[in-house]
Amino acid sequence: KQRELVALITSSGGITDGGSGEGRFTVSRDNAKNTVFLQID
C-alpha cells in the first residue's frame, strides 16, 4: 500500500491525526530532547 499519515504534532502541541490508528495511536513530543513518540496500543 501507499505510505499514509499516522499523526503529526507541532512544536506547540497541535496534533493532526491521520485516522489510521482508530484512536489507538498517540503522538507526543519532548521539545527539549527533539524527540517525537508514537504510543501504539
Full PDB file with SEQRES, HELIX, SHEET, SSBOND, CRYST1, ORIGX, SCALE, CONECT and MASTER records, all heavy atoms in Angstrom:
SEQRES   1 A   41  LYS GLN ARG GLU LEU VAL ALA LEU ILE THR SER SER GLY          
SEQRES   2 A   41  GLY ILE THR ASP GLY GLY SER GLY GLU GLY ARG PHE THR          
SEQRES   3 A   41  VAL SER ARG ASP ASN ALA LYS ASN THR VAL PHE LEU GLN          
SEQRES   4 A   41  ILE ASP                                                      
HELIX    1 AA1 ASN A   31  LYS A   33  5                                   3    
SHEET    1 AA1 2 ALA A   7  ILE A   9  0                                        
SHEET    2 AA1 2 ILE A  15  ASP A  17 -1                                        
SHEET    1 AA2 2 PHE A  25  ASP A  30  0                                        
SHEET    2 AA2 2 THR A  35  ILE A  40 -1                                        
CRYST1    1.000    1.000    1.000  90.00  90.00  90.00 P 1           1          
ORIGX1      1.000000  0.000000  0.000000        0.00000                         
ORIGX2      0.000000  1.000000  0.000000        0.00000                         
ORIGX3      0.000000  0.000000  1.000000        0.00000                         
SCALE1      1.000000  0.000000  0.000000        0.00000                         
SCALE2      0.000000  1.000000  0.000000        0.00000                         
SCALE3      0.000000  0.000000  1.000000        0.00000                         
ATOM      1  N   LYS A   1       0.824  -1.196   0.000  1.00  0.00           N  
ATOM      2  CA  LYS A   1       0.000   0.000   0.000  1.00  0.00           C  
ATOM      3  C   LYS A   1       0.865   1.256   0.000  1.00  0.00           C  
ATOM      4  O   LYS A   1       2.073   1.205   0.224  1.00  0.00           O  
ATOM      5  CB  LYS A   1      -0.927   0.018   1.216  1.00  0.00           C  
ATOM      6  CG  LYS A   1      -1.934  -1.120   1.251  1.00  0.00           C  
ATOM      7  CD  LYS A   1      -2.870  -0.992   2.434  1.00  0.00           C  
ATOM      8  CE  LYS A   1      -3.900  -2.098   2.452  1.00  0.00           C  
ATOM      9  NZ  LYS A   1      -4.831  -1.963   3.601  1.00  0.00           N  
ATOM     10  N   GLN A   2       0.226   2.383  -0.258  1.00  0.00           N  
ATOM     11  CA  GLN A   2       0.910   3.667  -0.244  1.00  0.00           C  
ATOM     12  C   GLN A   2       1.195   4.113   1.190  1.00  0.00           C  
ATOM     13  O   GLN A   2       0.491   3.743   2.128  1.00  0.00           O  
ATOM     14  CB  GLN A   2       0.075   4.722  -0.959  1.00  0.00           C  
ATOM     15  CG  GLN A   2      -0.167   4.456  -2.439  1.00  0.00           C  
ATOM     16  CD  GLN A   2       1.068   4.708  -3.275  1.00  0.00           C  
ATOM     17  OE1 GLN A   2       2.023   5.344  -2.832  1.00  0.00           O  
ATOM     18  NE2 GLN A   2       1.066   4.215  -4.496  1.00  0.00           N  
ATOM     19  N   ARG A   3       2.217   4.911   1.315  1.00  0.00           N  
ATOM     20  CA  ARG A   3       2.525   5.473   2.610  1.00  0.00           C  
ATOM     21  C   ARG A   3       1.386   6.382   3.069  1.00  0.00           C  
ATOM     22  O   ARG A   3       0.835   7.147   2.278  1.00  0.00           O  
ATOM     23  CB  ARG A   3       3.834   6.258   2.543  1.00  0.00           C  
ATOM     24  CG  ARG A   3       4.351   6.731   3.888  1.00  0.00           C  
ATOM     25  CD  ARG A   3       5.734   7.351   3.764  1.00  0.00           C  
ATOM     26  NE  ARG A   3       6.711   6.392   3.245  1.00  0.00           N  
ATOM     27  CZ  ARG A   3       8.001   6.651   3.101  1.00  0.00           C  
ATOM     28  NH1 ARG A   3       8.486   7.841   3.435  1.00  0.00           N  
ATOM     29  NH2 ARG A   3       8.816   5.723   2.610  1.00  0.00           N  
ATOM     30  N   GLU A   4       1.031   6.297   4.331  1.00  0.00           N  
ATOM     31  CA  GLU A   4      -0.093   7.032   4.852  1.00  0.00           C  
ATOM     32  C   GLU A   4       0.271   7.748   6.144  1.00  0.00           C  
ATOM     33  O   GLU A   4       1.146   7.318   6.896  1.00  0.00           O  
ATOM     34  CB  GLU A   4      -1.289   6.104   5.103  1.00  0.00           C  
ATOM     35  CG  GLU A   4      -1.036   5.051   6.167  1.00  0.00           C  
ATOM     36  CD  GLU A   4      -2.175   4.063   6.306  1.00  0.00           C  
ATOM     37  OE1 GLU A   4      -2.704   3.627   5.258  1.00  0.00           O  
ATOM     38  OE2 GLU A   4      -2.548   3.736   7.450  1.00  0.00           O  
ATOM     39  N   LEU A   5      -0.431   8.821   6.390  1.00  0.00           N  
ATOM     40  CA  LEU A   5      -0.196   9.612   7.591  1.00  0.00           C  
ATOM     41  C   LEU A   5      -0.729   8.894   8.823  1.00  0.00           C  
ATOM     42  O   LEU A   5      -1.861   8.416   8.836  1.00  0.00           O  
ATOM     43  CB  LEU A   5      -0.878  10.977   7.456  1.00  0.00           C  
ATOM     44  CG  LEU A   5      -0.884  11.857   8.711  1.00  0.00           C  
ATOM     45  CD1 LEU A   5       0.530  12.321   9.049  1.00  0.00           C  
ATOM     46  CD2 LEU A   5      -1.800  13.062   8.513  1.00  0.00           C  
ATOM     47  N   VAL A   6       0.088   8.859   9.856  1.00  0.00           N  
ATOM     48  CA  VAL A   6      -0.358   8.377  11.153  1.00  0.00           C  
ATOM     49  C   VAL A   6      -0.763   9.562  12.025  1.00  0.00           C  
ATOM     50  O   VAL A   6      -1.917   9.682  12.439  1.00  0.00           O  
ATOM     51  CB  VAL A   6       0.725   7.538  11.849  1.00  0.00           C  
ATOM     52  CG1 VAL A   6       0.264   7.134  13.252  1.00  0.00           C  
ATOM     53  CG2 VAL A   6       1.057   6.310  11.021  1.00  0.00           C  
ATOM     54  N   ALA A   7       0.190  10.443  12.302  1.00  0.00           N  
ATOM     55  CA  ALA A   7      -0.102  11.632  13.087  1.00  0.00           C  
ATOM     56  C   ALA A   7       1.067  12.602  13.004  1.00  0.00           C  
ATOM     57  O   ALA A   7       2.221  12.192  12.863  1.00  0.00           O  
ATOM     58  CB  ALA A   7      -0.382  11.281  14.551  1.00  0.00           C  
ATOM     59  N   LEU A   8       0.752  13.882  13.106  1.00  0.00           N  
ATOM     60  CA  LEU A   8       1.751  14.935  13.158  1.00  0.00           C  
ATOM     61  C   LEU A   8       1.502  15.789  14.394  1.00  0.00           C  
ATOM     62  O   LEU A   8       0.362  15.929  14.848  1.00  0.00           O  
ATOM     63  CB  LEU A   8       1.697  15.819  11.911  1.00  0.00           C  
ATOM     64  CG  LEU A   8       1.967  15.147  10.569  1.00  0.00           C  
ATOM     65  CD1 LEU A   8       1.697  16.123   9.431  1.00  0.00           C  
ATOM     66  CD2 LEU A   8       3.393  14.635  10.501  1.00  0.00           C  
ATOM     67  N   ILE A   9       2.557  16.377  14.903  1.00  0.00           N  
ATOM     68  CA  ILE A   9       2.443  17.238  16.071  1.00  0.00           C  
ATOM     69  C   ILE A   9       3.368  18.427  15.904  1.00  0.00           C  
ATOM     70  O   ILE A   9       4.530  18.295  15.527  1.00  0.00           O  
ATOM     71  CB  ILE A   9       2.741  16.451  17.366  1.00  0.00           C  
ATOM     72  CG1 ILE A   9       2.548  17.338  18.596  1.00  0.00           C  
ATOM     73  CG2 ILE A   9       4.125  15.824  17.324  1.00  0.00           C  
ATOM     74  CD1 ILE A   9       2.554  16.557  19.903  1.00  0.00           C  
ATOM     75  N   THR A  10       2.845  19.613  16.168  1.00  0.00           N  
ATOM     76  CA  THR A  10       3.635  20.824  16.049  1.00  0.00           C  
ATOM     77  C   THR A  10       4.452  21.056  17.313  1.00  0.00           C  
ATOM     78  O   THR A  10       4.273  20.382  18.328  1.00  0.00           O  
ATOM     79  CB  THR A  10       2.738  22.040  15.792  1.00  0.00           C  
ATOM     80  OG1 THR A  10       1.968  22.323  16.978  1.00  0.00           O  
ATOM     81  CG2 THR A  10       1.787  21.781  14.633  1.00  0.00           C  
ATOM     82  N   SER A  11       5.335  22.032  17.240  1.00  0.00           N  
ATOM     83  CA  SER A  11       6.166  22.356  18.394  1.00  0.00           C  
ATOM     84  C   SER A  11       5.353  22.880  19.563  1.00  0.00           C  
ATOM     85  O   SER A  11       5.805  22.818  20.707  1.00  0.00           O  
ATOM     86  CB  SER A  11       7.246  23.362  18.009  1.00  0.00           C  
ATOM     87  OG  SER A  11       6.682  24.524  17.435  1.00  0.00           O  
ATOM     88  N   SER A  12       4.159  23.384  19.282  1.00  0.00           N  
ATOM     89  CA  SER A  12       3.288  23.879  20.337  1.00  0.00           C  
ATOM     90  C   SER A  12       2.274  22.847  20.808  1.00  0.00           C  
ATOM     91  O   SER A  12       1.459  23.137  21.680  1.00  0.00           O  
ATOM     92  CB  SER A  12       2.564  25.144  19.877  1.00  0.00           C  
ATOM     93  OG  SER A  12       1.775  24.893  18.732  1.00  0.00           O  
ATOM     94  N   GLY A  13       2.310  21.654  20.227  1.00  0.00           N  
ATOM     95  CA  GLY A  13       1.459  20.581  20.693  1.00  0.00           C  
ATOM     96  C   GLY A  13       0.223  20.299  19.867  1.00  0.00           C  
ATOM     97  O   GLY A  13      -0.555  19.400  20.217  1.00  0.00           O  
ATOM     98  N   GLY A  14       0.005  21.040  18.802  1.00  0.00           N  
ATOM     99  CA  GLY A  14      -1.132  20.775  17.950  1.00  0.00           C  
ATOM    100  C   GLY A  14      -0.969  19.485  17.172  1.00  0.00           C  
ATOM    101  O   GLY A  14       0.094  19.208  16.624  1.00  0.00           O  
ATOM    102  N   ILE A  15      -2.025  18.698  17.105  1.00  0.00           N  
ATOM    103  CA  ILE A  15      -1.952  17.363  16.529  1.00  0.00           C  
ATOM    104  C   ILE A  15      -2.863  17.239  15.320  1.00  0.00           C  
ATOM    105  O   ILE A  15      -4.009  17.688  15.342  1.00  0.00           O  
ATOM    106  CB  ILE A  15      -2.331  16.302  17.578  1.00  0.00           C  
ATOM    107  CG1 ILE A  15      -1.300  16.277  18.701  1.00  0.00           C  
ATOM    108  CG2 ILE A  15      -2.458  14.921  16.933  1.00  0.00           C  
ATOM    109  CD1 ILE A  15      -1.677  15.392  19.867  1.00  0.00           C  
ATOM    110  N   THR A  16      -2.332  16.621  14.289  1.00  0.00           N  
ATOM    111  CA  THR A  16      -3.111  16.207  13.141  1.00  0.00           C  
ATOM    112  C   THR A  16      -3.117  14.690  13.119  1.00  0.00           C  
ATOM    113  O   THR A  16      -2.065  14.056  13.017  1.00  0.00           O  
ATOM    114  CB  THR A  16      -2.527  16.738  11.830  1.00  0.00           C  
ATOM    115  OG1 THR A  16      -2.559  18.167  11.835  1.00  0.00           O  
ATOM    116  CG2 THR A  16      -3.340  16.236  10.643  1.00  0.00           C  
ATOM    117  N   ASP A  17      -4.293  14.104  13.240  1.00  0.00           N  
ATOM    118  CA  ASP A  17      -4.444  12.664  13.289  1.00  0.00           C  
ATOM    119  C   ASP A  17      -4.894  12.152  11.930  1.00  0.00           C  
ATOM    120  O   ASP A  17      -5.918  12.600  11.402  1.00  0.00           O  
ATOM    121  CB  ASP A  17      -5.467  12.287  14.362  1.00  0.00           C  
ATOM    122  CG  ASP A  17      -5.483  10.797  14.672  1.00  0.00           C  
ATOM    123  OD1 ASP A  17      -5.015   9.993  13.837  1.00  0.00           O  
ATOM    124  OD2 ASP A  17      -5.977  10.431  15.753  1.00  0.00           O  
ATOM    125  N   GLY A  18      -4.135  11.228  11.383  1.00  0.00           N  
ATOM    126  CA  GLY A  18      -4.487  10.673  10.095  1.00  0.00           C  
ATOM    127  C   GLY A  18      -5.649   9.705  10.128  1.00  0.00           C  
ATOM    128  O   GLY A  18      -6.193   9.361   9.081  1.00  0.00           O  
ATOM    129  N   GLY A  19      -6.022   9.247  11.306  1.00  0.00           N  
ATOM    130  CA  GLY A  19      -7.164   8.369  11.444  1.00  0.00           C  
ATOM    131  C   GLY A  19      -6.872   6.894  11.286  1.00  0.00           C  
ATOM    132  O   GLY A  19      -7.765   6.066  11.496  1.00  0.00           O  
ATOM    133  N   SER A  20      -5.654   6.539  10.964  1.00  0.00           N  
ATOM    134  CA  SER A  20      -5.330   5.142  10.723  1.00  0.00           C  
ATOM    135  C   SER A  20      -5.383   4.294  11.986  1.00  0.00           C  
ATOM    136  O   SER A  20      -5.659   3.098  11.922  1.00  0.00           O  
ATOM    137  CB  SER A  20      -3.940   5.025  10.091  1.00  0.00           C  
ATOM    138  OG  SER A  20      -3.881   5.726   8.857  1.00  0.00           O  
ATOM    139  N   GLY A  21      -5.112   4.916  13.111  1.00  0.00           N  
ATOM    140  CA  GLY A  21      -4.999   4.167  14.347  1.00  0.00           C  
ATOM    141  C   GLY A  21      -6.301   3.920  15.078  1.00  0.00           C  
ATOM    142  O   GLY A  21      -6.305   3.213  16.093  1.00  0.00           O  
ATOM    143  N   GLU A  22      -7.366   4.503  14.597  1.00  0.00           N  
ATOM    144  CA  GLU A  22      -8.688   4.299  15.202  1.00  0.00           C  
ATOM    145  C   GLU A  22      -8.680   4.593  16.699  1.00  0.00           C  
ATOM    146  O   GLU A  22      -9.304   3.886  17.485  1.00  0.00           O  
ATOM    147  CB  GLU A  22      -9.170   2.872  14.931  1.00  0.00           C  
ATOM    148  CG  GLU A  22      -9.265   2.528  13.463  1.00  0.00           C  
ATOM    149  CD  GLU A  22      -9.584   1.064  13.223  1.00  0.00           C  
ATOM    150  OE1 GLU A  22      -9.083   0.222  13.993  1.00  0.00           O  
ATOM    151  OE2 GLU A  22     -10.344   0.774  12.279  1.00  0.00           O  
ATOM    152  N   GLY A  23      -7.949   5.627  17.092  1.00  0.00           N  
ATOM    153  CA  GLY A  23      -7.873   6.014  18.477  1.00  0.00           C  
ATOM    154  C   GLY A  23      -6.841   5.272  19.291  1.00  0.00           C  
ATOM    155  O   GLY A  23      -6.685   5.559  20.483  1.00  0.00           O  
ATOM    156  N   ARG A  24      -6.127   4.349  18.696  1.00  0.00           N  
ATOM    157  CA  ARG A  24      -5.147   3.548  19.414  1.00  0.00           C  
ATOM    158  C   ARG A  24      -3.738   4.125  19.360  1.00  0.00           C  
ATOM    159  O   ARG A  24      -2.849   3.624  20.058  1.00  0.00           O  
ATOM    160  CB  ARG A  24      -5.132   2.123  18.854  1.00  0.00           C  
ATOM    161  CG  ARG A  24      -6.471   1.400  19.002  1.00  0.00           C  
ATOM    162  CD  ARG A  24      -6.445   0.020  18.340  1.00  0.00           C  
ATOM    163  NE  ARG A  24      -6.290   0.120  16.892  1.00  0.00           N  
ATOM    164  CZ  ARG A  24      -5.181  -0.202  16.235  1.00  0.00           C  
ATOM    165  NH1 ARG A  24      -4.121  -0.654  16.889  1.00  0.00           N  
ATOM    166  NH2 ARG A  24      -5.125  -0.082  14.919  1.00  0.00           N  
ATOM    167  N   PHE A  25      -3.531   5.152  18.551  1.00  0.00           N  
ATOM    168  CA  PHE A  25      -2.212   5.764  18.401  1.00  0.00           C  
ATOM    169  C   PHE A  25      -2.192   7.115  19.098  1.00  0.00           C  
ATOM    170  O   PHE A  25      -3.136   7.903  18.964  1.00  0.00           O  
ATOM    171  CB  PHE A  25      -1.870   5.974  16.926  1.00  0.00           C  
ATOM    172  CG  PHE A  25      -1.718   4.705  16.124  1.00  0.00           C  
ATOM    173  CD1 PHE A  25      -1.414   4.778  14.770  1.00  0.00           C  
ATOM    174  CD2 PHE A  25      -1.855   3.455  16.700  1.00  0.00           C  
ATOM    175  CE1 PHE A  25      -1.262   3.629  14.020  1.00  0.00           C  
ATOM    176  CE2 PHE A  25      -1.712   2.296  15.955  1.00  0.00           C  
ATOM    177  CZ  PHE A  25      -1.412   2.388  14.606  1.00  0.00           C  
ATOM    178  N   THR A  26      -1.120   7.380  19.813  1.00  0.00           N  
ATOM    179  CA  THR A  26      -0.949   8.650  20.494  1.00  0.00           C  
ATOM    180  C   THR A  26       0.421   9.218  20.172  1.00  0.00           C  
ATOM    181  O   THR A  26       1.435   8.584  20.470  1.00  0.00           O  
ATOM    182  CB  THR A  26      -1.104   8.501  22.013  1.00  0.00           C  
ATOM    183  OG1 THR A  26      -2.381   7.931  22.323  1.00  0.00           O  
ATOM    184  CG2 THR A  26      -0.982   9.866  22.685  1.00  0.00           C  
ATOM    185  N   VAL A  27       0.449  10.400  19.581  1.00  0.00           N  
ATOM    186  CA  VAL A  27       1.706  11.055  19.258  1.00  0.00           C  
ATOM    187  C   VAL A  27       2.011  12.104  20.325  1.00  0.00           C  
ATOM    188  O   VAL A  27       1.101  12.774  20.834  1.00  0.00           O  
ATOM    189  CB  VAL A  27       1.660  11.690  17.853  1.00  0.00           C  
ATOM    190  CG1 VAL A  27       0.659  12.830  17.789  1.00  0.00           C  
ATOM    191  CG2 VAL A  27       3.050  12.162  17.430  1.00  0.00           C  
ATOM    192  N   SER A  28       3.262  12.218  20.681  1.00  0.00           N  
ATOM    193  CA  SER A  28       3.704  13.215  21.645  1.00  0.00           C  
ATOM    194  C   SER A  28       5.137  13.608  21.310  1.00  0.00           C  
ATOM    195  O   SER A  28       5.772  12.986  20.460  1.00  0.00           O  
ATOM    196  CB  SER A  28       3.597  12.688  23.079  1.00  0.00           C  
ATOM    197  OG  SER A  28       4.416  11.544  23.269  1.00  0.00           O  
ATOM    198  N   ARG A  29       5.631  14.636  21.984  1.00  0.00           N  
ATOM    199  CA  ARG A  29       6.995  15.065  21.717  1.00  0.00           C  
ATOM    200  C   ARG A  29       7.628  15.676  22.954  1.00  0.00           C  
ATOM    201  O   ARG A  29       6.941  16.181  23.847  1.00  0.00           O  
ATOM    202  CB  ARG A  29       7.051  16.058  20.545  1.00  0.00           C  
ATOM    203  CG  ARG A  29       6.264  17.337  20.750  1.00  0.00           C  
ATOM    204  CD  ARG A  29       6.235  18.159  19.457  1.00  0.00           C  
ATOM    205  NE  ARG A  29       7.519  18.781  19.178  1.00  0.00           N  
ATOM    206  CZ  ARG A  29       7.846  19.339  18.012  1.00  0.00           C  
ATOM    207  NH1 ARG A  29       6.991  19.308  16.995  1.00  0.00           N  
ATOM    208  NH2 ARG A  29       9.031  19.902  17.857  1.00  0.00           N  
ATOM    209  N   ASP A  30       8.928  15.623  22.969  1.00  0.00           N  
ATOM    210  CA  ASP A  30       9.736  16.244  24.000  1.00  0.00           C  
ATOM    211  C   ASP A  30      10.613  17.264  23.291  1.00  0.00           C  
ATOM    212  O   ASP A  30      11.615  16.910  22.676  1.00  0.00           O  
ATOM    213  CB  ASP A  30      10.578  15.204  24.737  1.00  0.00           C  
ATOM    214  CG  ASP A  30      11.362  15.788  25.895  1.00  0.00           C  
ATOM    215  OD1 ASP A  30      11.618  17.004  25.909  1.00  0.00           O  
ATOM    216  OD2 ASP A  30      11.729  15.016  26.801  1.00  0.00           O  
ATOM    217  N   ASN A  31      10.224  18.508  23.370  1.00  0.00           N  
ATOM    218  CA  ASN A  31      10.940  19.547  22.635  1.00  0.00           C  
ATOM    219  C   ASN A  31      12.379  19.721  23.118  1.00  0.00           C  
ATOM    220  O   ASN A  31      13.270  20.015  22.322  1.00  0.00           O  
ATOM    221  CB  ASN A  31      10.192  20.872  22.748  1.00  0.00           C  
ATOM    222  CG  ASN A  31       8.899  20.878  21.973  1.00  0.00           C  
ATOM    223  OD1 ASN A  31       8.739  20.129  21.000  1.00  0.00           O  
ATOM    224  ND2 ASN A  31       7.959  21.716  22.371  1.00  0.00           N  
ATOM    225  N   ALA A  32      12.597  19.547  24.401  1.00  0.00           N  
ATOM    226  CA  ALA A  32      13.940  19.706  24.941  1.00  0.00           C  
ATOM    227  C   ALA A  32      14.903  18.674  24.382  1.00  0.00           C  
ATOM    228  O   ALA A  32      16.107  18.934  24.277  1.00  0.00           O  
ATOM    229  CB  ALA A  32      13.909  19.637  26.465  1.00  0.00           C  
ATOM    230  N   LYS A  33      14.388  17.507  24.034  1.00  0.00           N  
ATOM    231  CA  LYS A  33      15.226  16.437  23.513  1.00  0.00           C  
ATOM    232  C   LYS A  33      15.042  16.214  22.021  1.00  0.00           C  
ATOM    233  O   LYS A  33      15.607  15.268  21.470  1.00  0.00           O  
ATOM    234  CB  LYS A  33      14.943  15.136  24.266  1.00  0.00           C  
ATOM    235  CG  LYS A  33      15.275  15.207  25.742  1.00  0.00           C  
ATOM    236  CD  LYS A  33      15.016  13.882  26.436  1.00  0.00           C  
ATOM    237  CE  LYS A  33      15.394  13.952  27.901  1.00  0.00           C  
ATOM    238  NZ  LYS A  33      15.154  12.658  28.599  1.00  0.00           N  
ATOM    239  N   ASN A  34      14.259  17.067  21.380  1.00  0.00           N  
ATOM    240  CA  ASN A  34      13.995  16.941  19.942  1.00  0.00           C  
ATOM    241  C   ASN A  34      13.555  15.530  19.575  1.00  0.00           C  
ATOM    242  O   ASN A  34      14.055  14.925  18.623  1.00  0.00           O  
ATOM    243  CB  ASN A  34      15.231  17.344  19.136  1.00  0.00           C  
ATOM    244  CG  ASN A  34      15.605  18.798  19.315  1.00  0.00           C  
ATOM    245  OD1 ASN A  34      14.743  19.671  19.377  1.00  0.00           O  
ATOM    246  ND2 ASN A  34      16.898  19.064  19.399  1.00  0.00           N  
ATOM    247  N   THR A  35      12.623  15.033  20.334  1.00  0.00           N  
ATOM    248  CA  THR A  35      12.175  13.660  20.178  1.00  0.00           C  
ATOM    249  C   THR A  35      10.660  13.605  20.025  1.00  0.00           C  
ATOM    250  O   THR A  35       9.935  14.303  20.740  1.00  0.00           O  
ATOM    251  CB  THR A  35      12.600  12.805  21.379  1.00  0.00           C  
ATOM    252  OG1 THR A  35      14.023  12.854  21.517  1.00  0.00           O  
ATOM    253  CG2 THR A  35      12.175  11.357  21.195  1.00  0.00           C  
ATOM    254  N   VAL A  36      10.209  12.777  19.107  1.00  0.00           N  
ATOM    255  CA  VAL A  36       8.793  12.539  18.921  1.00  0.00           C  
ATOM    256  C   VAL A  36       8.518  11.065  19.195  1.00  0.00           C  
ATOM    257  O   VAL A  36       9.336  10.199  18.876  1.00  0.00           O  
ATOM    258  CB  VAL A  36       8.327  12.945  17.507  1.00  0.00           C  
ATOM    259  CG1 VAL A  36       9.038  12.133  16.433  1.00  0.00           C  
ATOM    260  CG2 VAL A  36       6.817  12.807  17.379  1.00  0.00           C  
ATOM    261  N   PHE A  37       7.368  10.801  19.794  1.00  0.00           N  
ATOM    262  CA  PHE A  37       6.998   9.448  20.183  1.00  0.00           C  
ATOM    263  C   PHE A  37       5.693   9.052  19.516  1.00  0.00           C  
ATOM    264  O   PHE A  37       4.862   9.889  19.174  1.00  0.00           O  
ATOM    265  CB  PHE A  37       6.823   9.342  21.697  1.00  0.00           C  
ATOM    266  CG  PHE A  37       8.006   9.800  22.489  1.00  0.00           C  
ATOM    267  CD1 PHE A  37       8.078  11.107  22.967  1.00  0.00           C  
ATOM    268  CD2 PHE A  37       9.047   8.941  22.772  1.00  0.00           C  
ATOM    269  CE1 PHE A  37       9.159  11.533  23.709  1.00  0.00           C  
ATOM    270  CE2 PHE A  37      10.138   9.351  23.508  1.00  0.00           C  
ATOM    271  CZ  PHE A  37      10.192  10.653  23.976  1.00  0.00           C  
ATOM    272  N   LEU A  38       5.529   7.764  19.370  1.00  0.00           N  
ATOM    273  CA  LEU A  38       4.261   7.208  18.940  1.00  0.00           C  
ATOM    274  C   LEU A  38       3.934   6.020  19.831  1.00  0.00           C  
ATOM    275  O   LEU A  38       4.610   4.992  19.768  1.00  0.00           O  
ATOM    276  CB  LEU A  38       4.287   6.772  17.477  1.00  0.00           C  
ATOM    277  CG  LEU A  38       2.953   6.242  16.939  1.00  0.00           C  
ATOM    278  CD1 LEU A  38       1.916   7.359  16.870  1.00  0.00           C  
ATOM    279  CD2 LEU A  38       3.130   5.591  15.569  1.00  0.00           C  
ATOM    280  N   GLN A  39       2.928   6.187  20.659  1.00  0.00           N  
ATOM    281  CA  GLN A  39       2.447   5.110  21.501  1.00  0.00           C  
ATOM    282  C   GLN A  39       1.356   4.376  20.751  1.00  0.00           C  
ATOM    283  O   GLN A  39       0.365   4.978  20.336  1.00  0.00           O  
ATOM    284  CB  GLN A  39       1.902   5.660  22.822  1.00  0.00           C  
ATOM    285  CG  GLN A  39       1.305   4.615  23.748  1.00  0.00           C  
ATOM    286  CD  GLN A  39       2.344   3.709  24.370  1.00  0.00           C  
ATOM    287  OE1 GLN A  39       3.462   4.145  24.645  1.00  0.00           O  
ATOM    288  NE2 GLN A  39       1.986   2.453  24.594  1.00  0.00           N  
ATOM    289  N   ILE A  40       1.540   3.088  20.574  1.00  0.00           N  
ATOM    290  CA  ILE A  40       0.575   2.260  19.869  1.00  0.00           C  
ATOM    291  C   ILE A  40       0.044   1.212  20.833  1.00  0.00           C  
ATOM    292  O   ILE A  40       0.807   0.395  21.353  1.00  0.00           O  
ATOM    293  CB  ILE A  40       1.176   1.567  18.642  1.00  0.00           C  
ATOM    294  CG1 ILE A  40       1.987   2.556  17.801  1.00  0.00           C  
ATOM    295  CG2 ILE A  40       0.072   0.935  17.801  1.00  0.00           C  
ATOM    296  CD1 ILE A  40       2.700   1.918  16.629  1.00  0.00           C  
ATOM    297  N   ASP A  41      -1.240   1.226  21.052  1.00  0.00           N  
ATOM    298  CA  ASP A  41      -1.884   0.283  21.956  1.00  0.00           C  
ATOM    299  C   ASP A  41      -2.807  -0.647  21.184  1.00  0.00           C  
ATOM    300  O   ASP A  41      -3.250  -0.342  20.078  1.00  0.00           O  
ATOM    301  CB  ASP A  41      -2.674   1.027  23.032  1.00  0.00           C  
ATOM    302  CG  ASP A  41      -1.814   1.894  23.919  1.00  0.00           C  
ATOM    303  OD1 ASP A  41      -0.726   1.439  24.318  1.00  0.00           O  
ATOM    304  OD2 ASP A  41      -2.227   3.039  24.224  1.00  0.00           O  
TER     305      ASP A  41                                                      
MASTER        0    0    0    1    4    0    0    6  304    1    0    4          
END                                                                             
